[in-house]
């Protein structure tokens, strides 16, 4: 009789935490296999603007003739500094973001 009581007590002690866990989760058991796994998305390659594209953007912004295109860094990002000779003879420098192609400074 003592053996039966011992077995029942141990069984109760063992199953008690499992029952509490099931009650806390709403009675649903979740297995690792039943979870849907989404495939990891490959990171998009950053859009990179060529020096020729940067020159066209700068020329469209101020007009004139492109003299020089240099790679540089602006605010920690790759950029192009485009020197343009305007119709009035002034030389202006236009800063183009190398990722987006936007004008980020003169």
C-alpha atoms as a PDB file:
ATOM      1  CA  UNK A   1       0.000   0.000   0.000  1.00  0.00           C
ATOM      2  CA  UNK A   2       2.858   2.343   0.817  1.00  0.00           C
ATOM      3  CA  UNK A   3       4.359   1.690  -2.610  1.00  0.00           C
ATOM      4  CA  UNK A   4       1.124   2.666  -4.378  1.00  0.00           C
ATOM      5  CA  UNK A   5       0.914   5.853  -2.326  1.00  0.00           C
ATOM      6  CA  UNK A   6       4.519   6.683  -3.145  1.00  0.00           C
ATOM      7  CA  UNK A   7       3.993   6.115  -6.873  1.00  0.00           C
ATOM      8  CA  UNK A   8       0.828   8.221  -6.901  1.00  0.00           C
ATOM      9  CA  UNK A   9       2.519  11.021  -4.976  1.00  0.00           C
ATOM     10  CA  UNK A  10       5.513  11.068  -7.306  1.00  0.00           C
ATOM     11  CA  UNK A  11       3.237  10.994 -10.329  1.00  0.00           C
ATOM     12  CA  UNK A  12       1.227  13.909  -8.959  1.00  0.00           C
ATOM     13  CA  UNK A  13       4.387  15.903  -8.214  1.00  0.00           C
ATOM     14  CA  UNK A  14       5.752  15.222 -11.676  1.00  0.00           C
ATOM     15  CA  UNK A  15       2.540  16.064 -13.549  1.00  0.00           C
ATOM     16  CA  UNK A  16       1.556  19.060 -11.458  1.00  0.00           C
ATOM     17  CA  UNK A  17       4.004  21.528 -13.117  1.00  0.00           C
ATOM     18  CA  UNK A  18       2.963  20.256 -16.553  1.00  0.00           C
ATOM     19  CA  UNK A  19      -0.689  20.896 -15.777  1.00  0.00           C
ATOM     20  CA  UNK A  20       0.148  24.395 -14.546  1.00  0.00           C
ATOM     21  CA  UNK A  21       2.060  25.118 -17.736  1.00  0.00           C
ATOM     22  CA  UNK A  22      -0.818  23.878 -19.878  1.00  0.00           C
ATOM     23  CA  UNK A  23      -3.320  25.959 -17.943  1.00  0.00           C
ATOM     24  CA  UNK A  24      -1.155  29.065 -18.334  1.00  0.00           C
ATOM     25  CA  UNK A  25      -0.879  28.569 -22.088  1.00  0.00           C
ATOM     26  CA  UNK A  26      -4.617  28.134 -22.527  1.00  0.00           C
ATOM     27  CA  UNK A  27      -4.454  24.356 -22.718  1.00  0.00           C
ATOM     28  CA  UNK A  28      -2.708  24.328 -26.055  1.00  0.00           C
ATOM     29  CA  UNK A  29       0.456  22.391 -26.610  1.00  0.00           C
ATOM     30  CA  UNK A  30       2.797  23.856 -29.150  1.00  0.00           C
ATOM     31  CA  UNK A  31       5.386  21.767 -30.810  1.00  0.00           C
ATOM     32  CA  UNK A  32       8.460  23.139 -32.521  1.00  0.00           C
ATOM     33  CA  UNK A  33       7.457  21.454 -35.765  1.00  0.00           C
ATOM     34  CA  UNK A  34       4.007  23.038 -35.858  1.00  0.00           C
ATOM     35  CA  UNK A  35       5.391  26.573 -35.826  1.00  0.00           C
ATOM     36  CA  UNK A  36       5.500  28.091 -39.256  1.00  0.00           C
ATOM     37  CA  UNK A  37       8.967  29.200 -40.175  1.00  0.00           C
ATOM     38  CA  UNK A  38       9.285  32.067 -42.591  1.00  0.00           C
ATOM     39  CA  UNK A  39      12.299  32.012 -44.832  1.00  0.00           C
ATOM     40  CA  UNK A  40      14.765  34.799 -44.137  1.00  0.00           C
ATOM     41  CA  UNK A  41      14.604  37.600 -46.653  1.00  0.00           C
ATOM     42  CA  UNK A  42      17.815  38.373 -48.403  1.00  0.00           C
ATOM     43  CA  UNK A  43      18.893  41.936 -47.710  1.00  0.00           C
ATOM     44  CA  UNK A  44      18.296  44.229 -50.627  1.00  0.00           C
ATOM     45  CA  UNK A  45      21.396  45.383 -52.375  1.00  0.00           C
ATOM     46  CA  UNK A  46      21.762  49.108 -51.900  1.00  0.00           C
ATOM     47  CA  UNK A  47      21.024  51.239 -54.902  1.00  0.00           C
ATOM     48  CA  UNK A  48      24.304  52.694 -56.058  1.00  0.00           C
ATOM     49  CA  UNK A  49      24.488  55.715 -58.297  1.00  0.00           C
ATOM     50  CA  UNK A  50      27.300  55.807 -60.846  1.00  0.00           C
ATOM     51  CA  UNK A  51      29.535  58.870 -61.251  1.00  0.00           C
ATOM     52  CA  UNK A  52      27.908  59.484 -64.641  1.00  0.00           C
ATOM     53  CA  UNK A  53      24.436  59.487 -63.076  1.00  0.00           C
ATOM     54  CA  UNK A  54      25.639  61.866 -60.351  1.00  0.00           C
ATOM     55  CA  UNK A  55      27.012  64.190 -63.033  1.00  0.00           C
ATOM     56  CA  UNK A  56      23.639  64.220 -64.826  1.00  0.00           C
ATOM     57  CA  UNK A  57      21.803  65.002 -61.586  1.00  0.00           C
ATOM     58  CA  UNK A  58      24.171  67.886 -60.790  1.00  0.00           C
ATOM     59  CA  UNK A  59      24.004  69.232 -64.332  1.00  0.00           C
ATOM     60  CA  UNK A  60      20.209  69.121 -64.243  1.00  0.00           C
ATOM     61  CA  UNK A  61      20.244  71.000 -60.944  1.00  0.00           C
ATOM     62  CA  UNK A  62      22.534  73.906 -61.897  1.00  0.00           C
ATOM     63  CA  UNK A  63      23.001  73.653 -65.663  1.00  0.00           C
ATOM     64  CA  UNK A  64      26.376  74.152 -67.327  1.00  0.00           C
ATOM     65  CA  UNK A  65      29.276  71.816 -68.031  1.00  0.00           C
ATOM     66  CA  UNK A  66      30.510  69.101 -65.657  1.00  0.00           C
ATOM     67  CA  UNK A  67      34.222  69.557 -64.961  1.00  0.00           C
ATOM     68  CA  UNK A  68      34.964  66.859 -62.398  1.00  0.00           C
ATOM     69  CA  UNK A  69      33.311  64.106 -60.338  1.00  0.00           C
ATOM     70  CA  UNK A  70      34.999  62.956 -57.110  1.00  0.00           C
ATOM     71  CA  UNK A  71      33.951  60.345 -54.572  1.00  0.00           C
ATOM     72  CA  UNK A  72      33.805  61.626 -50.992  1.00  0.00           C
ATOM     73  CA  UNK A  73      32.054  61.047 -47.671  1.00  0.00           C
ATOM     74  CA  UNK A  74      29.327  63.308 -46.331  1.00  0.00           C
ATOM     75  CA  UNK A  75      27.785  62.671 -42.913  1.00  0.00           C
ATOM     76  CA  UNK A  76      29.418  59.236 -42.899  1.00  0.00           C
ATOM     77  CA  UNK A  77      27.893  58.190 -46.218  1.00  0.00           C
ATOM     78  CA  UNK A  78      29.361  57.751 -49.665  1.00  0.00           C
ATOM     79  CA  UNK A  79      28.750  60.746 -51.916  1.00  0.00           C
ATOM     80  CA  UNK A  80      29.928  62.405 -55.117  1.00  0.00           C
ATOM     81  CA  UNK A  81      31.214  65.965 -55.312  1.00  0.00           C
ATOM     82  CA  UNK A  82      30.461  67.246 -58.808  1.00  0.00           C
ATOM     83  CA  UNK A  83      32.110  70.462 -59.995  1.00  0.00           C
ATOM     84  CA  UNK A  84      30.101  72.271 -62.657  1.00  0.00           C
ATOM     85  CA  UNK A  85      31.012  75.304 -64.771  1.00  0.00           C
ATOM     86  CA  UNK A  86      27.869  77.435 -65.056  1.00  0.00           C
ATOM     87  CA  UNK A  87      26.907  79.581 -68.055  1.00  0.00           C
ATOM     88  CA  UNK A  88      27.930  82.743 -66.170  1.00  0.00           C
ATOM     89  CA  UNK A  89      31.479  81.408 -65.607  1.00  0.00           C
ATOM     90  CA  UNK A  90      31.088  80.478 -61.949  1.00  0.00           C
ATOM     91  CA  UNK A  91      32.213  77.043 -60.783  1.00  0.00           C
ATOM     92  CA  UNK A  92      29.838  75.374 -58.326  1.00  0.00           C
ATOM     93  CA  UNK A  93      30.181  72.172 -56.382  1.00  0.00           C
ATOM     94  CA  UNK A  94      27.150  69.919 -55.941  1.00  0.00           C
ATOM     95  CA  UNK A  95      27.106  67.060 -53.422  1.00  0.00           C
ATOM     96  CA  UNK A  96      25.173  63.962 -54.543  1.00  0.00           C
ATOM     97  CA  UNK A  97      24.296  61.021 -52.255  1.00  0.00           C
ATOM     98  CA  UNK A  98      25.849  57.890 -53.837  1.00  0.00           C
ATOM     99  CA  UNK A  99      23.031  55.644 -52.567  1.00  0.00           C
ATOM    100  CA  UNK A 100      19.952  57.640 -53.497  1.00  0.00           C
ATOM    101  CA  UNK A 101      21.167  60.030 -56.204  1.00  0.00           C
ATOM    102  CA  UNK A 102      19.664  63.002 -54.357  1.00  0.00           C
ATOM    103  CA  UNK A 103      21.340  66.374 -54.038  1.00  0.00           C
ATOM    104  CA  UNK A 104      22.470  66.719 -50.429  1.00  0.00           C
ATOM    105  CA  UNK A 105      24.429  69.956 -50.636  1.00  0.00           C
ATOM    106  CA  UNK A 106      26.014  72.660 -52.771  1.00  0.00           C
END
